[in-house]
């Protein structure tokens, strides 16, 4: 945080305006039960000492990081063209905040409008908002929107939904008394359609489908869309946008709401954020959608202009009638996604997605052919896959890490039934030689 100076005169003026004599008086109204006698904090440091401390910590983390990573599970190591960082680092983008005054915010509004347009094209939907915080909060907001479309007892979440997404959704719906019901998976790793056919009735407000799911497996969206076409629950799809460069979008299969995280599209891992959630739906649901929307119109001179419309800042005056408590968006990250998609174009995105498909399948096939390795799920996958060695997953991963490779995520830490299973991700940044090295090291460790 930048240093913000307050002179003694500033402090005296503030205290005088508040009718107080000293800074400690600011804490007086706070109940005793909320006060902390001591936080047991270490002694303060000078700016130089603090800077040196963080530099040492960064060096230690960097030294401990593996040279080669096949980690995924929701955060993906994709290549971002230099044009992305160069563009969003420009002052007019980097320092832009909420465009409350459209007459002086046309550049920011235009960038958001283009982001919305691209999200509609990518998902096959009709309208999109200016972005959400991340994929998990976007999914939770989609479930709340489904409740606004039609009240019901519960929402159906697949067992294969990312555990972190599930936790966020369950936290959101607990406050409104909506029950979360889990749909089982099959041997393929996809949602059990027979179970869904029996349970997707009027008592459910929505059916959530993640594609690819947490196991990396592609769900049968066409069959799910047909099953839900004439039923009451909303069809909510949470997708990896990179996969949409290669497969049909959920909008083609009748999805009512499509959400996801734009992190694979030009955003670095960055220790977990900030990321950008995208949110798209049908035109008929636009007034139930959370988040703000940028619209295109004309000014008094007939020239093209952009304005905020249907924005959730309406809660400032509508209060309980507002669609969401999220009243801002991730403009800088959304701009990065927009630049990334502009740089690649539809053919470029298809090519990157194809490389992800090809290399991940090559890795899965090579690992599956090793003695002592099995593949628990048989469904088609994108980007990442599950495999199971015949020795403890954590032990094997630690052994491989000593050779500078993070081979994947131990799924047993998320689900006891997946104990011993490893989720491995292969993006376009992992070369064929990298995959060969991974397979060789795993074979040696086994």
Protein backbone atom coordinates (compact mmCIF):
# COMPACT_ATOMS: atom_id res chain seq x y z
CA UNK A 1 0.00 0.00 0.00
CA UNK A 2 1.31 3.44 -0.87
CA UNK A 3 2.26 5.71 2.00
CA UNK A 4 -0.45 8.29 2.69
CA UNK A 5 0.77 11.08 4.98
CA UNK A 6 -1.40 12.63 7.68
CA UNK A 7 0.07 15.61 9.45
CA UNK A 8 -0.71 16.42 13.05
CA UNK A 9 -2.86 19.24 11.72
CA UNK A 10 -4.82 16.79 9.54
CA UNK A 11 -5.44 14.53 12.54
CA UNK A 12 -6.48 17.43 14.77
CA UNK A 13 -8.89 18.72 12.14
CA UNK A 14 -10.47 15.28 11.75
CA UNK A 15 -10.81 14.76 15.51
CA UNK A 16 -12.27 18.23 15.92
CA UNK A 17 -14.88 17.57 13.25
CA UNK A 18 -15.82 14.34 15.03
CA UNK A 19 -15.89 15.97 18.45
CA UNK A 20 -13.11 13.75 19.76
CA UNK A 21 -9.92 14.57 21.64
CA UNK A 22 -7.61 11.70 20.60
CA UNK A 23 -7.43 8.81 18.13
CA UNK A 24 -8.13 6.22 20.81
CA UNK A 25 -11.61 7.74 21.17
CA UNK A 26 -12.46 6.37 17.72
CA UNK A 27 -12.55 2.88 19.24
CA UNK A 28 -14.83 3.83 22.12
CA UNK A 29 -18.12 2.86 20.41
CA UNK A 30 -16.79 -0.62 19.58
CA UNK A 31 -18.27 -3.24 21.97
CA UNK A 32 -15.76 -4.86 24.30
CA UNK A 33 -16.62 -8.28 22.87
CA UNK A 34 -15.32 -7.21 19.47
CA UNK A 35 -12.01 -5.84 20.70
CA UNK A 36 -8.74 -7.74 20.67
CA UNK A 37 -6.43 -7.18 23.60
CA UNK A 38 -3.44 -8.13 21.49
CA UNK A 39 -2.83 -9.48 18.01
CA UNK A 40 0.59 -10.77 19.05
CA UNK A 41 2.19 -9.10 16.07
CA UNK A 42 5.96 -8.91 15.56
CA UNK A 43 7.81 -5.64 15.98
CA UNK A 44 7.42 -3.10 13.23
CA UNK A 45 9.90 -2.80 10.38
CA UNK A 46 11.24 0.01 8.33
CA UNK A 47 10.25 0.12 4.66
CA UNK A 48 13.69 -1.12 3.67
CA UNK A 49 13.53 -4.07 6.09
CA UNK A 50 10.04 -5.02 4.90
CA UNK A 51 11.08 -4.85 1.27
CA UNK A 52 14.12 -7.04 1.92
CA UNK A 53 11.99 -9.55 3.83
CA UNK A 54 9.54 -9.97 0.95
CA UNK A 55 12.39 -10.23 -1.55
CA UNK A 56 13.89 -13.08 0.49
CA UNK A 57 10.51 -14.79 0.74
CA UNK A 58 9.96 -14.42 -3.03
CA UNK A 59 13.38 -15.90 -3.73
CA UNK A 60 12.65 -18.86 -1.45
CA UNK A 61 9.32 -19.52 -3.13
CA UNK A 62 10.90 -19.25 -6.56
CA UNK A 63 13.70 -21.61 -5.62
CA UNK A 64 11.22 -24.17 -4.28
CA UNK A 65 8.96 -24.00 -7.35
CA UNK A 66 9.27 -26.93 -9.76
CA UNK A 67 10.86 -26.31 -13.13
CA UNK A 68 8.04 -28.14 -14.90
CA UNK A 69 4.40 -28.02 -13.79
CA UNK A 70 1.45 -30.13 -14.86
CA UNK A 71 -0.91 -28.63 -12.30
CA UNK A 72 -4.43 -27.56 -13.24
CA UNK A 73 -7.63 -28.13 -11.24
CA UNK A 74 -9.07 -24.70 -12.01
CA UNK A 75 -5.96 -22.55 -12.54
CA UNK A 76 -4.18 -23.11 -15.85
CA UNK A 77 -0.72 -22.22 -17.12
CA UNK A 78 -1.44 -20.93 -20.62
CA UNK A 79 0.67 -18.68 -22.83
CA UNK A 80 -0.31 -15.02 -22.93
CA UNK A 81 0.92 -13.00 -25.94
CA UNK A 82 2.98 -9.91 -25.04
CA UNK A 83 0.32 -7.68 -26.60
CA UNK A 84 -2.00 -8.47 -23.69
CA UNK A 85 0.24 -7.07 -20.95
CA UNK A 86 1.41 -4.21 -23.17
CA UNK A 87 -2.17 -3.09 -23.78
CA UNK A 88 -3.59 -3.37 -20.29
CA UNK A 89 -0.47 -1.66 -18.86
CA UNK A 90 -1.35 1.53 -20.71
CA UNK A 91 -2.43 4.22 -18.28
CA UNK A 92 -5.90 4.65 -19.77
CA UNK A 93 -6.67 0.98 -19.05
CA UNK A 94 -4.53 0.31 -16.00
CA UNK A 95 -5.88 3.24 -13.98
CA UNK A 96 -9.48 3.18 -15.23
CA UNK A 97 -12.16 2.61 -12.63
CA UNK A 98 -15.92 2.28 -12.78
CA UNK A 99 -17.18 4.31 -15.76
CA UNK A 100 -19.89 6.25 -13.93
CA UNK A 101 -19.62 9.18 -16.35
CA UNK A 102 -20.02 7.78 -19.87
CA UNK A 103 -19.05 11.04 -21.55
CA UNK A 104 -15.49 10.68 -20.23
CA UNK A 105 -15.34 6.87 -20.15
CA UNK A 106 -15.99 5.88 -23.76
CA UNK A 107 -12.74 3.91 -24.09
CA UNK A 108 -13.38 1.81 -21.00
CA UNK A 109 -17.02 1.29 -21.93
CA UNK A 110 -16.04 0.24 -25.45
CA UNK A 111 -13.59 -2.33 -24.08
CA UNK A 112 -16.28 -3.77 -21.80
CA UNK A 113 -18.79 -3.84 -24.65
CA UNK A 114 -16.34 -5.82 -26.78
CA UNK A 115 -15.77 -8.24 -23.88
CA UNK A 116 -19.53 -8.80 -23.59
CA UNK A 117 -19.80 -9.38 -27.33
CA UNK A 118 -16.98 -11.92 -27.33
CA UNK A 119 -18.48 -13.79 -24.38
CA UNK A 120 -21.76 -14.10 -26.26
CA UNK A 121 -19.98 -15.39 -29.35
CA UNK A 122 -17.89 -17.80 -27.30
CA UNK A 123 -20.77 -19.26 -25.26
CA UNK A 124 -23.48 -19.16 -27.91
CA UNK A 125 -25.69 -16.97 -25.72
CA UNK A 126 -27.55 -13.73 -26.42
CA UNK A 127 -26.45 -11.32 -23.68
CA UNK A 128 -23.50 -11.10 -21.31
CA UNK A 129 -22.62 -8.79 -18.46
CA UNK A 130 -19.47 -6.77 -17.89
CA UNK A 131 -17.87 -9.63 -15.86
CA UNK A 132 -17.97 -11.02 -12.34
CA UNK A 133 -15.29 -11.56 -9.70
CA UNK A 134 -14.36 -15.10 -10.77
CA UNK A 135 -15.86 -18.34 -12.01
CA UNK A 136 -17.08 -19.60 -8.64
CA UNK A 137 -18.94 -16.41 -7.70
CA UNK A 138 -20.37 -16.27 -11.23
CA UNK A 139 -21.77 -19.78 -10.77
CA UNK A 140 -23.22 -18.90 -7.37
CA UNK A 141 -24.87 -15.83 -8.90
CA UNK A 142 -26.23 -18.01 -11.70
CA UNK A 143 -27.93 -20.24 -9.14
CA UNK A 144 -29.43 -17.19 -7.42
CA UNK A 145 -30.62 -15.94 -10.80
CA UNK A 146 -32.27 -19.31 -11.43
CA UNK A 147 -34.16 -18.81 -8.17
CA UNK A 148 -35.36 -15.42 -9.45
CA UNK A 149 -36.52 -17.11 -12.64
CA UNK A 150 -38.42 -19.78 -10.71
CA UNK A 151 -38.59 -20.50 -7.00
CA UNK A 152 -38.03 -24.13 -5.97
CA UNK A 153 -36.71 -26.30 -3.14
CA UNK A 154 -33.21 -27.16 -4.30
CA UNK A 155 -30.48 -26.90 -6.90
CA UNK A 156 -28.83 -29.96 -8.46
CA UNK A 157 -25.02 -29.85 -8.39
CA UNK A 158 -22.97 -32.59 -10.04
CA UNK A 159 -20.57 -34.57 -7.90
CA UNK A 160 -17.96 -33.72 -10.52
CA UNK A 161 -18.28 -29.97 -9.86
CA UNK A 162 -15.05 -28.31 -8.72
CA UNK A 163 -15.07 -28.53 -4.88
CA UNK A 164 -14.23 -24.83 -4.53
CA UNK A 165 -17.12 -23.87 -6.81
CA UNK A 166 -19.39 -26.11 -4.76
CA UNK A 167 -18.33 -24.46 -1.51
CA UNK A 168 -19.05 -20.98 -2.88
CA UNK A 169 -22.47 -22.03 -4.21
CA UNK A 170 -23.42 -23.73 -0.95
CA UNK A 171 -22.37 -20.65 1.01
CA UNK A 172 -24.55 -18.43 -1.18
CA UNK A 173 -27.68 -20.60 -1.10
CA UNK A 174 -27.53 -21.33 2.63
CA UNK A 175 -28.77 -17.83 3.35
CA UNK A 176 -31.90 -18.30 1.25
CA UNK A 177 -32.67 -21.80 2.47
CA UNK A 178 -32.03 -23.49 -0.88
CA UNK A 179 -30.82 -27.07 -0.58
CA UNK A 180 -27.95 -28.35 -2.74
CA UNK A 181 -28.53 -31.89 -4.01
CA UNK A 182 -25.66 -33.87 -5.52
CA UNK A 183 -26.03 -35.76 -8.79
CA UNK A 184 -23.78 -38.87 -8.95
CA UNK A 185 -21.28 -39.61 -11.69
CA UNK A 186 -20.88 -42.69 -13.88
CA UNK A 187 -17.84 -44.83 -14.65
CA UNK A 188 -17.11 -42.41 -17.47
CA UNK A 189 -16.85 -39.54 -14.99
CA UNK A 190 -19.94 -37.80 -16.35
CA UNK A 191 -23.24 -36.92 -14.71
CA UNK A 192 -25.59 -39.91 -14.33
CA UNK A 193 -28.34 -39.12 -16.85
CA UNK A 194 -30.69 -41.81 -15.54
CA UNK A 195 -30.49 -40.25 -12.09
CA UNK A 196 -30.97 -36.80 -13.60
CA UNK A 197 -34.04 -37.91 -15.53
CA UNK A 198 -35.63 -39.05 -12.26
CA UNK A 199 -34.71 -35.97 -10.22
CA UNK A 200 -34.79 -32.95 -12.54
CA UNK A 201 -38.41 -32.15 -11.75
CA UNK A 202 -40.39 -29.10 -10.62
CA UNK A 203 -38.81 -29.21 -7.17
CA UNK A 204 -35.41 -28.17 -8.62
CA UNK A 205 -34.70 -24.57 -9.55
CA UNK A 206 -31.64 -25.40 -11.67
CA UNK A 207 -29.34 -28.15 -12.86
CA UNK A 208 -25.66 -27.17 -12.86
CA UNK A 209 -23.29 -28.85 -15.31
CA UNK A 210 -19.53 -28.18 -15.40
CA UNK A 211 -17.83 -28.83 -18.72
CA UNK A 212 -15.12 -30.02 -18.65
CA UNK A 213 -15.83 -31.09 -15.10
CA UNK A 214 -13.39 -31.26 -12.19
CA UNK A 215 -12.12 -34.60 -13.49
CA UNK A 216 -11.35 -33.03 -16.87
CA UNK A 217 -14.13 -35.11 -18.44
CA UNK A 218 -16.48 -33.60 -21.02
CA UNK A 219 -20.14 -33.89 -20.09
CA UNK A 220 -22.76 -34.99 -22.67
CA UNK A 221 -24.23 -31.51 -23.09
CA UNK A 222 -26.43 -32.50 -26.01
CA UNK A 223 -28.15 -35.27 -24.05
CA UNK A 224 -28.46 -33.07 -20.97
CA UNK A 225 -29.92 -30.25 -23.06
CA UNK A 226 -32.53 -32.56 -24.59
CA UNK A 227 -33.41 -33.97 -21.17
CA UNK A 228 -33.94 -30.52 -19.67
CA UNK A 229 -35.55 -28.88 -22.71
CA UNK A 230 -39.14 -29.35 -21.57
CA UNK A 231 -38.50 -29.33 -17.83
CA UNK A 232 -38.82 -26.58 -15.27
CA UNK A 233 -35.24 -26.35 -13.90
CA UNK A 234 -32.89 -23.89 -15.54
CA UNK A 235 -29.89 -25.37 -17.35
CA UNK A 236 -26.75 -23.71 -15.93
CA UNK A 237 -23.41 -24.50 -17.55
CA UNK A 238 -20.02 -23.65 -16.01
CA UNK A 239 -17.37 -23.95 -18.70
CA UNK A 240 -13.65 -23.66 -19.36
CA UNK A 241 -13.57 -21.01 -22.11
CA UNK A 242 -10.46 -22.49 -23.72
CA UNK A 243 -12.44 -25.64 -24.55
CA UNK A 244 -14.94 -23.56 -26.51
CA UNK A 245 -12.33 -23.04 -29.18
CA UNK A 246 -12.82 -26.70 -30.06
CA UNK A 247 -16.24 -27.92 -28.91
CA UNK A 248 -19.79 -26.67 -29.37
CA UNK A 249 -20.82 -24.00 -26.84
CA UNK A 250 -23.53 -24.69 -24.23
CA UNK A 251 -25.83 -22.21 -25.96
CA UNK A 252 -26.12 -24.68 -28.83
CA UNK A 253 -27.59 -27.24 -26.43
CA UNK A 254 -30.20 -25.03 -24.80
CA UNK A 255 -28.35 -23.71 -21.75
CA UNK A 256 -30.19 -20.91 -19.95
CA UNK A 257 -27.12 -19.47 -18.21
CA UNK A 258 -23.44 -19.95 -19.04
CA UNK A 259 -20.66 -18.92 -16.65
CA UNK A 260 -16.98 -19.58 -16.18
CA UNK A 261 -13.60 -18.10 -15.37
CA UNK A 262 -11.70 -16.20 -18.05
CA UNK A 263 -8.31 -16.99 -16.47
CA UNK A 264 -7.22 -19.36 -19.29
CA UNK A 265 -7.64 -16.51 -21.78
CA UNK A 266 -4.55 -14.41 -21.21
CA UNK A 267 -4.44 -14.11 -17.42
CA UNK A 268 -1.37 -15.43 -15.55
CA UNK A 269 -1.65 -17.68 -12.51
CA UNK A 270 -0.63 -14.80 -10.19
CA UNK A 271 -0.82 -16.83 -6.96
CA UNK A 272 -4.57 -17.28 -7.47
CA UNK A 273 -5.85 -13.99 -8.83
CA UNK A 274 -7.32 -11.62 -9.60
CA UNK A 275 -9.34 -13.49 -12.21
CA UNK A 276 -12.50 -12.64 -14.12
CA UNK A 277 -15.83 -14.41 -14.16
CA UNK A 278 -17.98 -14.26 -17.27
CA UNK A 279 -21.76 -14.51 -17.22
CA UNK A 280 -24.06 -14.93 -20.23
CA UNK A 281 -27.74 -15.74 -20.58
CA UNK A 282 -30.81 -15.49 -22.81
CA UNK A 283 -32.31 -12.14 -23.79
CA UNK A 284 -35.53 -13.09 -21.99
CA UNK A 285 -33.65 -13.26 -18.67
CA UNK A 286 -31.67 -10.04 -19.03
CA UNK A 287 -33.46 -8.16 -16.24
CA UNK A 288 -32.76 -10.99 -13.81
CA UNK A 289 -29.04 -11.05 -14.59
CA UNK A 290 -26.57 -9.81 -11.96
CA UNK A 291 -23.79 -7.37 -12.73
CA UNK A 292 -23.71 -4.34 -14.94
CA UNK A 293 -24.16 -4.27 -18.69
CA UNK A 294 -22.65 -1.83 -21.17
CA UNK A 295 -25.01 -0.88 -23.98
CA UNK A 296 -24.41 0.76 -27.35
CA UNK A 297 -26.49 3.78 -28.30
CA UNK A 298 -26.12 7.13 -30.07
CA UNK A 299 -25.47 10.58 -28.64
CA UNK A 300 -27.37 13.79 -29.44
CA UNK A 301 -25.32 14.16 -32.61
CA UNK A 302 -26.13 10.68 -33.82
CA UNK A 303 -22.66 9.31 -33.12
CA UNK A 304 -22.09 5.86 -31.63
CA UNK A 305 -21.78 5.96 -27.85
CA UNK A 306 -21.59 3.53 -24.93
CA UNK A 307 -23.37 3.71 -21.57
CA UNK A 308 -23.90 1.61 -18.48
CA UNK A 309 -27.36 0.11 -18.42
CA UNK A 310 -29.18 -2.36 -16.14
CA UNK A 311 -26.28 -2.05 -13.70
CA UNK A 312 -26.48 -3.50 -10.21
CA UNK A 313 -25.56 -0.16 -8.71
CA UNK A 314 -29.31 0.18 -8.98
CA UNK A 315 -29.29 -1.41 -5.55
CA UNK A 316 -28.28 2.04 -4.29
CA UNK A 317 -31.91 3.01 -4.82
CA UNK A 318 -33.73 -0.31 -5.30
CA UNK A 319 -32.27 -1.92 -2.18
CA UNK A 320 -33.98 -5.30 -1.71
CA UNK A 321 -35.07 -5.36 -5.36
CA UNK A 322 -31.47 -5.39 -6.61
CA UNK A 323 -30.39 -8.52 -8.47
CA UNK A 324 -27.05 -8.92 -6.70
CA UNK A 325 -24.73 -7.59 -4.03
CA UNK A 326 -21.89 -7.72 -6.57
CA UNK A 327 -21.98 -4.16 -7.84
CA UNK A 328 -18.70 -3.92 -9.71
CA UNK A 329 -16.74 -5.93 -12.26
CA UNK A 330 -13.19 -6.97 -13.17
CA UNK A 331 -12.61 -4.47 -15.98
CA UNK A 332 -8.81 -4.78 -16.22
CA UNK A 333 -8.91 -8.59 -16.32
CA UNK A 334 -11.84 -8.50 -18.73
CA UNK A 335 -9.82 -6.19 -20.96
CA UNK A 336 -6.93 -8.68 -20.88
CA UNK A 337 -9.31 -11.44 -22.00
CA UNK A 338 -10.63 -9.17 -24.76
CA UNK A 339 -7.12 -8.39 -26.02
CA UNK A 340 -6.17 -12.08 -25.88
CA UNK A 341 -9.19 -13.15 -27.94
CA UNK A 342 -8.64 -10.28 -30.37
CA UNK A 343 -5.01 -11.29 -30.86
CA UNK A 344 -5.81 -14.97 -31.48
CA UNK A 345 -9.09 -14.68 -33.32
CA UNK A 346 -11.42 -17.67 -33.73
CA UNK A 347 -8.91 -19.73 -35.72
CA UNK A 348 -6.11 -19.01 -33.26
CA UNK A 349 -8.26 -20.04 -30.30
CA UNK A 350 -9.20 -23.23 -32.11
CA UNK A 351 -5.53 -23.97 -32.76
CA UNK A 352 -4.54 -23.43 -29.11
CA UNK A 353 -7.43 -25.61 -27.92
CA UNK A 354 -6.40 -28.31 -30.40
CA UNK A 355 -2.83 -28.31 -29.07
CA UNK A 356 -4.20 -28.67 -25.51
CA UNK A 357 -6.36 -31.57 -26.66
CA UNK A 358 -3.58 -33.34 -28.55
CA UNK A 359 -0.86 -33.04 -25.91
CA UNK A 360 -3.09 -33.94 -22.97
CA UNK A 361 -4.31 -37.04 -24.80
CA UNK A 362 -0.75 -37.99 -25.70
CA UNK A 363 0.25 -37.71 -22.05
CA UNK A 364 -2.75 -39.70 -20.84
CA UNK A 365 -2.16 -42.46 -23.37
CA UNK A 366 1.53 -42.73 -22.50
CA UNK A 367 0.89 -42.81 -18.74
CA UNK A 368 -1.94 -45.34 -19.13
CA UNK A 369 0.45 -47.68 -20.97
CA UNK A 370 2.87 -47.75 -18.04
CA UNK A 371 2.90 -50.79 -15.82
CA UNK A 372 1.23 -49.95 -12.53
CA UNK A 373 -1.03 -47.18 -13.90
CA UNK A 374 -4.79 -47.31 -14.42
CA UNK A 375 -7.37 -44.79 -15.67
CA UNK A 376 -10.44 -44.65 -13.39
CA UNK A 377 -12.68 -42.73 -15.81
CA UNK A 378 -13.33 -43.58 -19.44
CA UNK A 379 -15.10 -40.44 -20.69
CA UNK A 380 -13.60 -38.03 -23.24
CA UNK A 381 -11.57 -35.24 -21.65
CA UNK A 382 -10.04 -31.87 -22.40
CA UNK A 383 -6.84 -30.37 -21.03
CA UNK A 384 -6.57 -32.58 -17.92
CA UNK A 385 -7.23 -36.17 -16.92
CA UNK A 386 -7.26 -38.57 -13.97
CA UNK A 387 -4.85 -41.47 -13.58
CA UNK A 388 -4.09 -43.81 -10.70
CA UNK A 389 -0.66 -45.28 -9.88
CA UNK A 390 -0.27 -48.47 -7.89
CA UNK A 391 1.55 -46.64 -5.08
CA UNK A 392 0.24 -43.82 -2.85
CA UNK A 393 -0.38 -40.68 -4.91
CA UNK A 394 1.15 -38.24 -2.41
CA UNK A 395 4.26 -40.38 -2.05
CA UNK A 396 4.68 -40.63 -5.82
CA UNK A 397 4.10 -36.91 -6.39
CA UNK A 398 6.67 -36.03 -3.72
CA UNK A 399 9.21 -38.36 -5.32
CA UNK A 400 8.66 -36.80 -8.74
CA UNK A 401 8.81 -33.29 -7.31
CA UNK A 402 12.36 -33.96 -6.12
CA UNK A 403 13.25 -34.11 -9.80
CA UNK A 404 11.77 -30.68 -10.46
CA UNK A 405 8.36 -31.74 -11.75
CA UNK A 406 4.88 -31.17 -10.33
CA UNK A 407 3.08 -34.08 -11.96
CA UNK A 408 -0.44 -33.19 -10.84
CA UNK A 409 -2.89 -32.81 -7.98
CA UNK A 410 -3.67 -35.50 -5.42
CA UNK A 411 -7.46 -35.82 -5.71
CA UNK A 412 -7.67 -37.68 -2.42
CA UNK A 413 -7.34 -34.32 -0.68
CA UNK A 414 -10.70 -33.33 -2.22
CA UNK A 415 -12.65 -36.58 -2.16
CA UNK A 416 -11.80 -39.71 -0.12
CA UNK A 417 -13.27 -41.86 -2.88
CA UNK A 418 -10.59 -40.49 -5.20
CA UNK A 419 -7.76 -41.46 -2.87
CA UNK A 420 -4.72 -42.50 -4.88
CA UNK A 421 -5.88 -40.64 -8.01
CA UNK A 422 -3.91 -37.85 -9.66
CA UNK A 423 -5.28 -35.04 -11.85
CA UNK A 424 -2.72 -33.97 -14.46
CA UNK A 425 -3.06 -30.98 -16.79
CA UNK A 426 -1.23 -30.44 -20.09
CA UNK A 427 -1.52 -27.03 -21.79
CA UNK A 428 0.10 -25.67 -24.94
CA UNK A 429 3.06 -24.53 -22.80
CA UNK A 430 4.03 -28.14 -22.17
CA UNK A 431 5.95 -29.40 -25.20
CA UNK A 432 6.04 -32.95 -26.51
CA UNK A 433 9.49 -33.24 -24.92
CA UNK A 434 8.04 -32.10 -21.58
CA UNK A 435 5.39 -34.82 -21.80
CA UNK A 436 8.04 -37.44 -22.64
CA UNK A 437 10.07 -36.32 -19.62
CA UNK A 438 7.02 -36.57 -17.34
CA UNK A 439 6.25 -40.09 -18.52
CA UNK A 440 9.88 -41.13 -18.14
CA UNK A 441 10.13 -39.77 -14.61
CA UNK A 442 6.82 -41.39 -13.58
CA UNK A 443 7.97 -44.71 -15.01
CA UNK A 444 11.22 -44.49 -13.08
CA UNK A 445 9.41 -43.56 -9.87
CA UNK A 446 7.06 -46.51 -10.24
